[in-house]
Amino acid sequence: MPTRNIVLTDHQAALVERLVSSGRYQNASEVLRQGLRLLEREEADLAALLAKVDEAEAAYAAGDFVTLRNGEDIRAFFDEIEREIDEAGIGLDS
C-alpha cells in the first residue's frame, strides 16, 4: 500500500485520536480509509444527483413537464398518479 504523509488540523487529529481510543478503529490509517470511503460514496451520490439534474433540465428544455398553478392542480396531478398506480396494480399500501 502506498504511504502518504498528511497534515491534520488539531481538531482533525483529536478526532482521529478519539476514534482510535474508542476502540472503533485500530489505528489512524483505518480512520482515514473510512473517511475516504465515505467521501467516495458522497462524490458518487453527488455525481448521480448532478446526472438527474442534467436529465431534468433536458426534459424541461424538451417541454416534458407539467405546470401546477394551485392546490387544485396539485391534487388532480397526484390523484392521476394514484389512479395510474392502482390500474398498474402496484399498490403502495402493500
C-alpha atoms as a PDB file:
ATOM      1  CA  MET A   1       0.000   0.000   0.000  1.00  0.00           C
ATOM      2  CA  PRO A   2       1.308   3.460  -0.800  1.00  0.00           C
ATOM      3  CA  THR A   3       2.268   5.604   2.175  1.00  0.00           C
ATOM      4  CA  ARG A   4       1.345   9.286   2.368  1.00  0.00           C
ATOM      5  CA  ASN A   5       2.249  11.980   4.842  1.00  0.00           C
ATOM      6  CA  ILE A   6      -0.681  14.247   5.649  1.00  0.00           C
ATOM      7  CA  VAL A   7      -1.141  17.338   7.762  1.00  0.00           C
ATOM      8  CA  LEU A   8      -4.157  17.427  10.072  1.00  0.00           C
ATOM      9  CA  THR A   9      -5.603  20.316  11.994  1.00  0.00           C
ATOM     10  CA  ASP A  10      -5.647  19.988  15.772  1.00  0.00           C
ATOM     11  CA  HIS A  11      -9.380  19.283  15.574  1.00  0.00           C
ATOM     12  CA  GLN A  12      -8.897  16.509  12.997  1.00  0.00           C
ATOM     13  CA  ALA A  13      -6.019  14.965  14.948  1.00  0.00           C
ATOM     14  CA  ALA A  14      -8.139  14.950  18.111  1.00  0.00           C
ATOM     15  CA  LEU A  15     -10.989  13.280  16.230  1.00  0.00           C
ATOM     16  CA  VAL A  16      -8.683  10.571  14.882  1.00  0.00           C
ATOM     17  CA  GLU A  17      -7.248  10.014  18.354  1.00  0.00           C
ATOM     18  CA  ARG A  18     -10.720   9.864  19.900  1.00  0.00           C
ATOM     19  CA  LEU A  19     -11.916   7.299  17.330  1.00  0.00           C
ATOM     20  CA  VAL A  20      -8.844   5.104  17.791  1.00  0.00           C
ATOM     21  CA  SER A  21      -9.042   5.405  21.591  1.00  0.00           C
ATOM     22  CA  SER A  22     -12.692   4.364  21.497  1.00  0.00           C
ATOM     23  CA  GLY A  23     -11.632   1.040  20.015  1.00  0.00           C
ATOM     24  CA  ARG A  24     -13.761   1.521  16.947  1.00  0.00           C
ATOM     25  CA  TYR A  25     -10.658   1.695  14.783  1.00  0.00           C
ATOM     26  CA  GLN A  26      -7.295   0.069  15.371  1.00  0.00           C
ATOM     27  CA  ASN A  27      -5.228   2.972  14.059  1.00  0.00           C
ATOM     28  CA  ALA A  28      -5.266   6.322  12.260  1.00  0.00           C
ATOM     29  CA  SER A  29      -4.984   4.645   8.861  1.00  0.00           C
ATOM     30  CA  GLU A  30      -8.283   2.831   9.419  1.00  0.00           C
ATOM     31  CA  VAL A  31      -9.957   6.101  10.392  1.00  0.00           C
ATOM     32  CA  LEU A  32      -8.673   7.857   7.289  1.00  0.00           C
ATOM     33  CA  ARG A  33      -9.609   4.959   4.988  1.00  0.00           C
ATOM     34  CA  GLN A  34     -13.143   5.011   6.384  1.00  0.00           C
ATOM     35  CA  GLY A  35     -13.288   8.768   5.845  1.00  0.00           C
ATOM     36  CA  LEU A  36     -12.148   8.304   2.250  1.00  0.00           C
ATOM     37  CA  ARG A  37     -14.779   5.590   1.679  1.00  0.00           C
ATOM     38  CA  LEU A  38     -17.446   7.986   2.918  1.00  0.00           C
ATOM     39  CA  LEU A  39     -16.082  10.758   0.718  1.00  0.00           C
ATOM     40  CA  GLU A  40     -16.050   8.409  -2.265  1.00  0.00           C
ATOM     41  CA  ARG A  41     -19.702   7.493  -1.615  1.00  0.00           C
ATOM     42  CA  GLU A  42     -20.616  11.166  -1.226  1.00  0.00           C
ATOM     43  CA  GLU A  43     -18.900  12.004  -4.523  1.00  0.00           C
ATOM     44  CA  ALA A  44     -20.773   9.166  -6.260  1.00  0.00           C
ATOM     45  CA  ASP A  45     -24.070  10.386  -4.778  1.00  0.00           C
ATOM     46  CA  LEU A  46     -23.305  13.923  -5.952  1.00  0.00           C
ATOM     47  CA  ALA A  47     -22.455  12.684  -9.459  1.00  0.00           C
ATOM     48  CA  ALA A  48     -25.760  10.765  -9.574  1.00  0.00           C
ATOM     49  CA  LEU A  49     -27.661  13.836  -8.390  1.00  0.00           C
ATOM     50  CA  LEU A  50     -25.991  16.051 -10.998  1.00  0.00           C
ATOM     51  CA  ALA A  51     -26.856  13.487 -13.687  1.00  0.00           C
ATOM     52  CA  LYS A  52     -30.508  13.682 -12.575  1.00  0.00           C
ATOM     53  CA  VAL A  53     -30.345  17.489 -12.732  1.00  0.00           C
ATOM     54  CA  ASP A  54     -28.996  17.255 -16.296  1.00  0.00           C
ATOM     55  CA  GLU A  55     -31.784  14.806 -17.155  1.00  0.00           C
ATOM     56  CA  ALA A  56     -34.410  17.119 -15.656  1.00  0.00           C
ATOM     57  CA  GLU A  57     -33.020  20.151 -17.483  1.00  0.00           C
ATOM     58  CA  ALA A  58     -33.109  18.242 -20.779  1.00  0.00           C
ATOM     59  CA  ALA A  59     -36.699  17.152 -20.124  1.00  0.00           C
ATOM     60  CA  TYR A  60     -37.670  20.731 -19.306  1.00  0.00           C
ATOM     61  CA  ALA A  61     -35.964  22.040 -22.452  1.00  0.00           C
ATOM     62  CA  ALA A  62     -37.877  19.432 -24.480  1.00  0.00           C
ATOM     63  CA  GLY A  63     -41.147  20.624 -22.943  1.00  0.00           C
ATOM     64  CA  ASP A  64     -41.604  17.436 -20.946  1.00  0.00           C
ATOM     65  CA  PHE A  65     -43.097  18.914 -17.768  1.00  0.00           C
ATOM     66  CA  VAL A  66     -46.406  19.725 -16.111  1.00  0.00           C
ATOM     67  CA  THR A  67     -47.350  23.162 -14.812  1.00  0.00           C
ATOM     68  CA  LEU A  68     -49.216  23.116 -11.500  1.00  0.00           C
ATOM     69  CA  ARG A  69     -50.625  26.528 -10.661  1.00  0.00           C
ATOM     70  CA  ASN A  70     -52.577  25.912  -7.470  1.00  0.00           C
ATOM     71  CA  GLY A  71     -53.651  23.371  -4.889  1.00  0.00           C
ATOM     72  CA  GLU A  72     -56.391  22.022  -7.125  1.00  0.00           C
ATOM     73  CA  ASP A  73     -53.858  21.329  -9.915  1.00  0.00           C
ATOM     74  CA  ILE A  74     -51.568  19.602  -7.434  1.00  0.00           C
ATOM     75  CA  ARG A  75     -54.375  17.437  -6.044  1.00  0.00           C
ATOM     76  CA  ALA A  76     -55.505  16.486  -9.564  1.00  0.00           C
ATOM     77  CA  PHE A  77     -51.925  15.645 -10.550  1.00  0.00           C
ATOM     78  CA  PHE A  78     -51.425  13.313  -7.596  1.00  0.00           C
ATOM     79  CA  ASP A  79     -54.901  11.819  -7.987  1.00  0.00           C
ATOM     80  CA  GLU A  80     -53.932  10.905 -11.563  1.00  0.00           C
ATOM     81  CA  ILE A  81     -50.676   9.315 -10.390  1.00  0.00           C
ATOM     82  CA  GLU A  82     -52.577   7.351  -7.753  1.00  0.00           C
ATOM     83  CA  ARG A  83     -55.095   6.177 -10.380  1.00  0.00           C
ATOM     84  CA  GLU A  84     -52.262   5.023 -12.670  1.00  0.00           C
ATOM     85  CA  ILE A  85     -50.640   3.148  -9.793  1.00  0.00           C
ATOM     86  CA  ASP A  86     -53.944   1.468  -8.932  1.00  0.00           C
ATOM     87  CA  GLU A  87     -54.507   0.487 -12.571  1.00  0.00           C
ATOM     88  CA  ALA A  88     -50.993  -0.927 -12.794  1.00  0.00           C
ATOM     89  CA  GLY A  89     -51.662  -2.993  -9.659  1.00  0.00           C
ATOM     90  CA  ILE A  90     -48.525  -1.725  -7.977  1.00  0.00           C
ATOM     91  CA  GLY A  91     -50.229  -0.749  -4.726  1.00  0.00           C
ATOM     92  CA  LEU A  92     -48.302   1.468  -2.330  1.00  0.00           C
ATOM     93  CA  ASP A  93     -50.230   0.087   0.666  1.00  0.00           C
ATOM     94  CA  SER A  94     -48.862  -3.466   0.335  1.00  0.00           C
END
